[in-house]
Each structure stands twice: as C-alpha cells, then as structure tokens.
Amino acid sequence: MPLYYYKCKVCGSTDSDIRVIADRNNPTACCECDGVMERAVELENPNIVRTEDYAKPLHSDSLAINPSQTAEHKKLFPDIEIDSQGRPVFKKYRQHDRYLEACGFDKKEQRIKPKGKRIDELKQPSK
C-alpha cells in the first residue's frame, strides 16, 4: 500500500498515511484542530507539480500588438494587460496557454542548439 500525504484546510498541518489506492482521496479528521484533511499531491512529489503563477510577469515581445489594436484587445481579453510597449503581460501559465489557443497560435518546444558547436560549423560538410 502506498504512502499518501494530507493537509488540513483549517490549521494547515500535514500528515501522512498508508492506504489502499481506492481510499487515497477520502478526507480524514485533523488530529490538531478536528478540521478536515484532504490529500495534498504537491507534498507527495513536489517536482511534478507546476505552480500556477510565473515567478515574475512575462512580457511577450513576439505577441506585441499595434497601439491602434489596444481597445479591441482589452474587449477580447480583459484579464490580460498591455504594457507601454504594446506587449501582453502574462502572470499565469494557464492564462498564457488560453491566450495562445484563442489567437490560433501553436506552442512549440524551444529548440536548443548542441553545446560547443557553432551554427556555421553545423552547416559545413565534414571533411
């Protein structure tokens, strides 16, 4: 049986418990304040849980708009502000993903060149 972690909604205390998989999401009583403890997946494996917010606001140069389009943009996307240079400012991952989807953009993985090789070396045929 696996080990699961739980967090109290009232006092914030944490606890772990060994349970069968079928019972893993069942809430339990907190031993500190008698509140309800729910499963806390972020405590089980903190490396796989992505935070909702960016560490700092993301100003997107590639999605910048013309100042004449600002009013229309604010109508379509009221939760996304535009900075003084016409760049949309994203504060959350999900907000950024929804914006790209609504605008018809496809998010691709960043291409990284191999370490230690210059681009012109890659284009030249080997001797």
N, C-alpha and C. Protein backbone atom coordinates (compact mmCIF):
# COMPACT_ATOMS: atom_id res chain seq x y z
N MET A 1 0.84 -1.18 0.00
CA MET A 1 0.00 0.00 0.00
C MET A 1 0.89 1.25 0.00
N PRO A 2 0.55 2.24 -0.82
CA PRO A 2 1.37 3.45 -0.93
C PRO A 2 1.14 4.44 0.22
N LEU A 3 2.09 5.33 0.36
CA LEU A 3 2.03 6.39 1.36
C LEU A 3 1.45 7.65 0.71
N TYR A 4 0.45 8.26 1.35
CA TYR A 4 -0.18 9.48 0.86
C TYR A 4 -0.06 10.58 1.90
N TYR A 5 -0.01 11.82 1.43
CA TYR A 5 0.12 12.98 2.32
C TYR A 5 -1.19 13.76 2.33
N TYR A 6 -1.49 14.33 3.50
CA TYR A 6 -2.74 15.07 3.68
C TYR A 6 -2.45 16.40 4.38
N LYS A 7 -3.26 17.41 4.06
CA LYS A 7 -3.10 18.74 4.64
C LYS A 7 -4.45 19.23 5.16
N CYS A 8 -4.44 19.84 6.35
CA CYS A 8 -5.66 20.36 6.96
C CYS A 8 -6.05 21.68 6.32
N LYS A 9 -7.32 21.83 5.97
CA LYS A 9 -7.82 23.07 5.38
C LYS A 9 -7.90 24.19 6.41
N VAL A 10 -8.04 23.84 7.69
CA VAL A 10 -8.23 24.84 8.74
C VAL A 10 -6.90 25.35 9.30
N CYS A 11 -6.08 24.44 9.84
CA CYS A 11 -4.86 24.88 10.52
C CYS A 11 -3.60 24.72 9.67
N GLY A 12 -3.66 23.98 8.56
CA GLY A 12 -2.52 23.83 7.67
C GLY A 12 -1.55 22.73 8.06
N SER A 13 -1.83 21.96 9.10
CA SER A 13 -0.92 20.89 9.49
C SER A 13 -0.95 19.77 8.46
N THR A 14 0.14 19.03 8.38
CA THR A 14 0.26 17.94 7.40
C THR A 14 0.45 16.62 8.12
N ASP A 15 0.08 15.54 7.42
CA ASP A 15 0.21 14.20 7.97
C ASP A 15 0.32 13.22 6.80
N SER A 16 0.85 12.07 7.06
CA SER A 16 0.93 11.04 6.02
C SER A 16 0.20 9.79 6.52
N ASP A 17 -0.22 8.97 5.56
CA ASP A 17 -0.97 7.77 5.91
C ASP A 17 -0.76 6.72 4.83
N ILE A 18 -0.67 5.48 5.23
CA ILE A 18 -0.58 4.37 4.28
C ILE A 18 -1.99 3.86 4.06
N ARG A 19 -2.42 3.90 2.80
CA ARG A 19 -3.80 3.48 2.47
C ARG A 19 -3.83 2.66 1.19
N VAL A 20 -4.93 1.97 1.02
CA VAL A 20 -5.15 1.28 -0.26
C VAL A 20 -5.48 2.37 -1.30
N ILE A 21 -5.22 2.09 -2.54
CA ILE A 21 -5.40 3.08 -3.61
C ILE A 21 -6.85 3.57 -3.68
N ALA A 22 -7.80 2.71 -3.46
CA ALA A 22 -9.21 3.08 -3.55
C ALA A 22 -9.60 4.14 -2.52
N ASP A 23 -8.90 4.18 -1.39
CA ASP A 23 -9.23 5.13 -0.32
C ASP A 23 -8.33 6.36 -0.29
N ARG A 24 -7.45 6.54 -1.26
CA ARG A 24 -6.44 7.59 -1.21
C ARG A 24 -7.02 9.00 -1.15
N ASN A 25 -8.18 9.26 -1.77
CA ASN A 25 -8.75 10.61 -1.82
C ASN A 25 -9.78 10.87 -0.72
N ASN A 26 -10.04 9.89 0.13
CA ASN A 26 -11.01 10.08 1.22
C ASN A 26 -10.42 11.03 2.26
N PRO A 27 -11.17 12.08 2.63
CA PRO A 27 -10.66 13.00 3.65
C PRO A 27 -10.62 12.33 5.01
N THR A 28 -9.82 12.91 5.89
CA THR A 28 -9.68 12.39 7.25
C THR A 28 -9.74 13.56 8.24
N ALA A 29 -9.95 13.27 9.51
CA ALA A 29 -10.03 14.32 10.52
C ALA A 29 -8.63 14.72 10.97
N CYS A 30 -8.43 16.01 11.18
CA CYS A 30 -7.16 16.54 11.65
C CYS A 30 -7.02 16.26 13.15
N CYS A 31 -5.88 15.77 13.57
CA CYS A 31 -5.69 15.48 14.99
C CYS A 31 -5.37 16.74 15.81
N GLU A 32 -5.06 17.85 15.14
CA GLU A 32 -4.73 19.09 15.86
C GLU A 32 -5.95 19.96 16.13
N CYS A 33 -6.83 20.10 15.12
CA CYS A 33 -7.96 21.02 15.28
C CYS A 33 -9.31 20.40 14.94
N ASP A 34 -9.35 19.13 14.64
CA ASP A 34 -10.57 18.41 14.23
C ASP A 34 -11.14 18.94 12.92
N GLY A 35 -10.33 19.63 12.12
CA GLY A 35 -10.74 20.07 10.79
C GLY A 35 -10.65 18.91 9.82
N VAL A 36 -10.86 19.20 8.55
CA VAL A 36 -10.82 18.17 7.51
C VAL A 36 -9.47 18.20 6.80
N MET A 37 -8.83 17.06 6.73
CA MET A 37 -7.56 16.95 6.00
C MET A 37 -7.84 16.30 4.65
N GLU A 38 -7.37 16.96 3.60
CA GLU A 38 -7.54 16.43 2.24
C GLU A 38 -6.18 16.06 1.68
N ARG A 39 -6.20 15.21 0.67
CA ARG A 39 -4.96 14.75 0.05
C ARG A 39 -4.22 15.92 -0.56
N ALA A 40 -2.90 15.97 -0.33
CA ALA A 40 -2.05 17.03 -0.85
C ALA A 40 -1.02 16.42 -1.79
N VAL A 41 -1.35 16.39 -3.08
CA VAL A 41 -0.48 15.77 -4.08
C VAL A 41 0.85 16.50 -4.15
N GLU A 42 0.85 17.83 -3.95
CA GLU A 42 2.09 18.61 -4.04
C GLU A 42 3.11 18.19 -2.99
N LEU A 43 2.66 17.60 -1.89
CA LEU A 43 3.58 17.12 -0.85
C LEU A 43 4.13 15.74 -1.20
N GLU A 44 3.39 14.98 -2.00
CA GLU A 44 3.82 13.63 -2.37
C GLU A 44 5.00 13.66 -3.33
N ASN A 45 4.96 14.57 -4.30
CA ASN A 45 6.06 14.71 -5.24
C ASN A 45 6.13 16.15 -5.71
N PRO A 46 6.85 17.00 -4.99
CA PRO A 46 6.88 18.43 -5.32
C PRO A 46 7.52 18.75 -6.67
N ASN A 47 8.26 17.81 -7.25
CA ASN A 47 8.93 18.08 -8.53
C ASN A 47 7.98 18.03 -9.72
N ILE A 48 6.85 17.35 -9.60
CA ILE A 48 5.96 17.23 -10.75
C ILE A 48 4.82 18.23 -10.74
N VAL A 49 4.61 18.91 -9.64
CA VAL A 49 3.50 19.86 -9.57
C VAL A 49 3.99 21.22 -10.04
N ARG A 50 3.36 21.75 -11.09
CA ARG A 50 3.74 23.05 -11.63
C ARG A 50 2.93 24.12 -10.93
N THR A 51 3.62 25.17 -10.49
CA THR A 51 2.89 26.26 -9.87
C THR A 51 2.04 26.96 -10.92
N GLU A 52 1.01 27.61 -10.49
CA GLU A 52 0.08 28.27 -11.40
C GLU A 52 0.64 29.60 -11.91
N ASP A 53 1.43 30.29 -11.09
CA ASP A 53 1.93 31.61 -11.46
C ASP A 53 3.34 31.56 -12.01
N TYR A 54 3.66 32.49 -12.91
CA TYR A 54 5.05 32.70 -13.32
C TYR A 54 5.79 33.32 -12.14
N ALA A 55 7.10 33.13 -12.06
CA ALA A 55 7.89 33.71 -10.98
C ALA A 55 7.82 35.23 -11.03
N LYS A 56 7.82 35.78 -12.23
CA LYS A 56 7.60 37.21 -12.43
C LYS A 56 6.79 37.37 -13.70
N PRO A 57 6.06 38.47 -13.86
CA PRO A 57 5.21 38.63 -15.05
C PRO A 57 6.00 38.49 -16.35
N LEU A 58 5.41 37.82 -17.32
CA LEU A 58 6.05 37.58 -18.61
C LEU A 58 5.54 38.59 -19.63
N HIS A 59 6.43 39.42 -20.15
CA HIS A 59 6.11 40.40 -21.19
C HIS A 59 6.50 39.77 -22.52
N SER A 60 5.53 39.48 -23.39
CA SER A 60 5.78 38.74 -24.62
C SER A 60 6.07 39.68 -25.78
N ASP A 61 7.34 39.71 -26.21
CA ASP A 61 7.74 40.51 -27.37
C ASP A 61 7.12 39.97 -28.66
N SER A 62 7.05 38.65 -28.77
CA SER A 62 6.56 38.03 -30.01
C SER A 62 5.06 38.22 -30.22
N LEU A 63 4.32 38.56 -29.16
CA LEU A 63 2.88 38.75 -29.29
C LEU A 63 2.48 40.22 -29.20
N ALA A 64 3.46 41.13 -29.31
CA ALA A 64 3.18 42.57 -29.19
C ALA A 64 2.16 43.01 -30.25
N ILE A 65 1.33 44.00 -29.88
CA ILE A 65 0.30 44.49 -30.78
C ILE A 65 0.49 45.98 -31.05
N ASN A 66 -0.11 46.43 -32.14
CA ASN A 66 -0.08 47.83 -32.53
C ASN A 66 -0.95 48.63 -31.56
N PRO A 67 -0.54 49.86 -31.20
CA PRO A 67 -1.35 50.66 -30.28
C PRO A 67 -2.79 50.87 -30.74
N SER A 68 -3.04 50.85 -32.04
CA SER A 68 -4.41 51.01 -32.54
C SER A 68 -5.29 49.79 -32.22
N GLN A 69 -4.69 48.67 -31.86
CA GLN A 69 -5.43 47.45 -31.55
C GLN A 69 -5.68 47.26 -30.05
N THR A 70 -5.20 48.18 -29.24
CA THR A 70 -5.30 48.04 -27.79
C THR A 70 -6.74 47.97 -27.30
N ALA A 71 -7.61 48.84 -27.80
CA ALA A 71 -9.02 48.85 -27.35
C ALA A 71 -9.70 47.52 -27.67
N GLU A 72 -9.48 47.01 -28.88
CA GLU A 72 -10.08 45.72 -29.27
C GLU A 72 -9.52 44.59 -28.41
N HIS A 73 -8.22 44.64 -28.13
CA HIS A 73 -7.59 43.61 -27.31
C HIS A 73 -8.20 43.60 -25.91
N LYS A 74 -8.43 44.78 -25.33
CA LYS A 74 -8.99 44.86 -23.98
C LYS A 74 -10.43 44.33 -23.94
N LYS A 75 -11.15 44.46 -25.06
CA LYS A 75 -12.51 43.89 -25.13
C LYS A 75 -12.46 42.37 -25.16
N LEU A 76 -11.56 41.83 -25.97
CA LEU A 76 -11.45 40.38 -26.13
C LEU A 76 -10.79 39.69 -24.93
N PHE A 77 -9.78 40.34 -24.36
CA PHE A 77 -9.00 39.75 -23.27
C PHE A 77 -8.88 40.75 -22.11
N PRO A 78 -9.95 40.96 -21.35
CA PRO A 78 -9.90 41.96 -20.28
C PRO A 78 -8.95 41.62 -19.14
N ASP A 79 -8.62 40.35 -18.96
CA ASP A 79 -7.74 39.96 -17.85
C ASP A 79 -6.25 40.05 -18.19
N ILE A 80 -5.92 40.37 -19.44
CA ILE A 80 -4.52 40.45 -19.86
C ILE A 80 -4.19 41.91 -20.15
N GLU A 81 -3.27 42.45 -19.35
CA GLU A 81 -2.89 43.85 -19.54
C GLU A 81 -1.86 44.00 -20.65
N ILE A 82 -1.77 45.20 -21.18
CA ILE A 82 -0.79 45.53 -22.22
C ILE A 82 0.16 46.55 -21.63
N ASP A 83 1.48 46.32 -21.76
CA ASP A 83 2.43 47.28 -21.21
C ASP A 83 2.61 48.47 -22.16
N SER A 84 3.48 49.40 -21.81
CA SER A 84 3.66 50.63 -22.58
C SER A 84 4.24 50.38 -23.97
N GLN A 85 4.84 49.21 -24.20
CA GLN A 85 5.42 48.88 -25.50
C GLN A 85 4.50 47.99 -26.33
N GLY A 86 3.26 47.81 -25.90
CA GLY A 86 2.29 47.02 -26.65
C GLY A 86 2.41 45.53 -26.47
N ARG A 87 3.13 45.09 -25.45
CA ARG A 87 3.32 43.65 -25.21
C ARG A 87 2.30 43.15 -24.19
N PRO A 88 1.65 42.02 -24.46
CA PRO A 88 0.76 41.43 -23.45
C PRO A 88 1.59 40.93 -22.26
N VAL A 89 1.03 41.07 -21.07
CA VAL A 89 1.71 40.66 -19.84
C VAL A 89 0.94 39.49 -19.24
N PHE A 90 1.63 38.37 -19.08
CA PHE A 90 1.01 37.16 -18.55
C PHE A 90 1.54 36.90 -17.14
N LYS A 91 0.64 36.57 -16.23
CA LYS A 91 1.02 36.30 -14.85
C LYS A 91 0.87 34.82 -14.49
N LYS A 92 0.10 34.07 -15.29
CA LYS A 92 -0.15 32.66 -15.01
C LYS A 92 0.08 31.82 -16.27
N TYR A 93 0.56 30.60 -16.07
CA TYR A 93 0.77 29.67 -17.18
C TYR A 93 -0.54 29.43 -17.94
N ARG A 94 -1.58 29.15 -17.21
CA ARG A 94 -2.86 28.81 -17.83
C ARG A 94 -3.40 29.99 -18.64
N GLN A 95 -3.24 31.21 -18.12
CA GLN A 95 -3.68 32.42 -18.82
C GLN A 95 -2.94 32.55 -20.16
N HIS A 96 -1.64 32.29 -20.15
CA HIS A 96 -0.82 32.36 -21.36
C HIS A 96 -1.26 31.30 -22.38
N ASP A 97 -1.46 30.07 -21.91
CA ASP A 97 -1.89 28.99 -22.81
C ASP A 97 -3.26 29.28 -23.45
N ARG A 98 -4.20 29.79 -22.65
CA ARG A 98 -5.53 30.12 -23.19
C ARG A 98 -5.44 31.23 -24.23
N TYR A 99 -4.60 32.22 -23.99
CA TYR A 99 -4.42 33.33 -24.92
C TYR A 99 -3.88 32.81 -26.26
N LEU A 100 -2.87 31.96 -26.20
CA LEU A 100 -2.29 31.41 -27.44
C LEU A 100 -3.32 30.59 -28.20
N GLU A 101 -4.10 29.80 -27.49
CA GLU A 101 -5.13 28.99 -28.13
C GLU A 101 -6.21 29.87 -28.77
N ALA A 102 -6.65 30.91 -28.07
CA ALA A 102 -7.70 31.79 -28.59
C ALA A 102 -7.22 32.56 -29.81
N CYS A 103 -5.93 32.87 -29.86
CA CYS A 103 -5.38 33.60 -31.00
C CYS A 103 -4.98 32.69 -32.16
N GLY A 104 -5.07 31.38 -31.96
CA GLY A 104 -4.75 30.43 -33.03
C GLY A 104 -3.27 30.11 -33.14
N PHE A 105 -2.50 30.37 -32.09
CA PHE A 105 -1.07 30.06 -32.11
C PHE A 105 -0.85 28.66 -31.55
N ASP A 106 0.19 28.00 -32.05
CA ASP A 106 0.55 26.67 -31.60
C ASP A 106 1.85 26.77 -30.81
N LYS A 107 1.85 26.34 -29.58
CA LYS A 107 3.03 26.44 -28.73
C LYS A 107 3.97 25.29 -29.03
N LYS A 108 5.21 25.60 -29.38
CA LYS A 108 6.21 24.59 -29.70
C LYS A 108 7.30 24.58 -28.64
N GLU A 109 7.99 23.46 -28.53
CA GLU A 109 9.11 23.38 -27.60
C GLU A 109 10.25 24.25 -28.12
N GLN A 110 11.03 24.79 -27.19
CA GLN A 110 12.17 25.61 -27.56
C GLN A 110 13.24 24.74 -28.20
N ARG A 111 13.77 25.20 -29.33
CA ARG A 111 14.85 24.47 -29.98
C ARG A 111 16.18 24.94 -29.41
N ILE A 112 16.98 24.00 -28.97
CA ILE A 112 18.27 24.34 -28.37
C ILE A 112 19.37 23.72 -29.22
N LYS A 113 20.34 24.56 -29.61
CA LYS A 113 21.44 24.04 -30.42
C LYS A 113 22.38 23.21 -29.56
N PRO A 114 23.09 22.27 -30.17
CA PRO A 114 24.02 21.43 -29.41
C PRO A 114 25.11 22.28 -28.76
N LYS A 115 25.53 21.91 -27.55
CA LYS A 115 26.57 22.65 -26.85
C LYS A 115 27.91 22.49 -27.55
N GLY A 116 28.67 23.58 -27.57
CA GLY A 116 30.03 23.53 -28.09
C GLY A 116 30.14 23.60 -29.60
N LYS A 117 29.05 23.71 -30.31
CA LYS A 117 29.12 23.78 -31.77
C LYS A 117 28.48 25.07 -32.23
N ARG A 118 29.13 25.75 -33.11
CA ARG A 118 28.56 26.96 -33.67
C ARG A 118 27.66 26.57 -34.84
N ILE A 119 26.71 27.40 -35.12
CA ILE A 119 25.74 27.09 -36.18
C ILE A 119 26.43 26.96 -37.53
N ASP A 120 27.43 27.83 -37.84
CA ASP A 120 28.11 27.73 -39.13
C ASP A 120 28.92 26.44 -39.24
N GLU A 121 29.40 25.89 -38.12
CA GLU A 121 30.10 24.60 -38.14
C GLU A 121 29.13 23.47 -38.47
N LEU A 122 27.89 23.59 -38.04
CA LEU A 122 26.90 22.55 -38.29
C LEU A 122 26.51 22.51 -39.77
N LYS A 123 26.55 23.66 -40.43
CA LYS A 123 26.12 23.73 -41.83
C LYS A 123 27.21 23.23 -42.79
N GLN A 124 28.47 23.31 -42.39
CA GLN A 124 29.56 22.89 -43.26
C GLN A 124 29.66 21.37 -43.28
N PRO A 125 29.88 20.80 -44.46
CA PRO A 125 30.05 19.34 -44.51
C PRO A 125 31.35 18.92 -43.83
N SER A 126 31.34 17.79 -43.20
CA SER A 126 32.55 17.29 -42.52
C SER A 126 33.56 16.81 -43.54
N LYS A 127 34.82 16.92 -43.19
CA LYS A 127 35.91 16.54 -44.10
C LYS A 127 36.27 15.11 -43.98
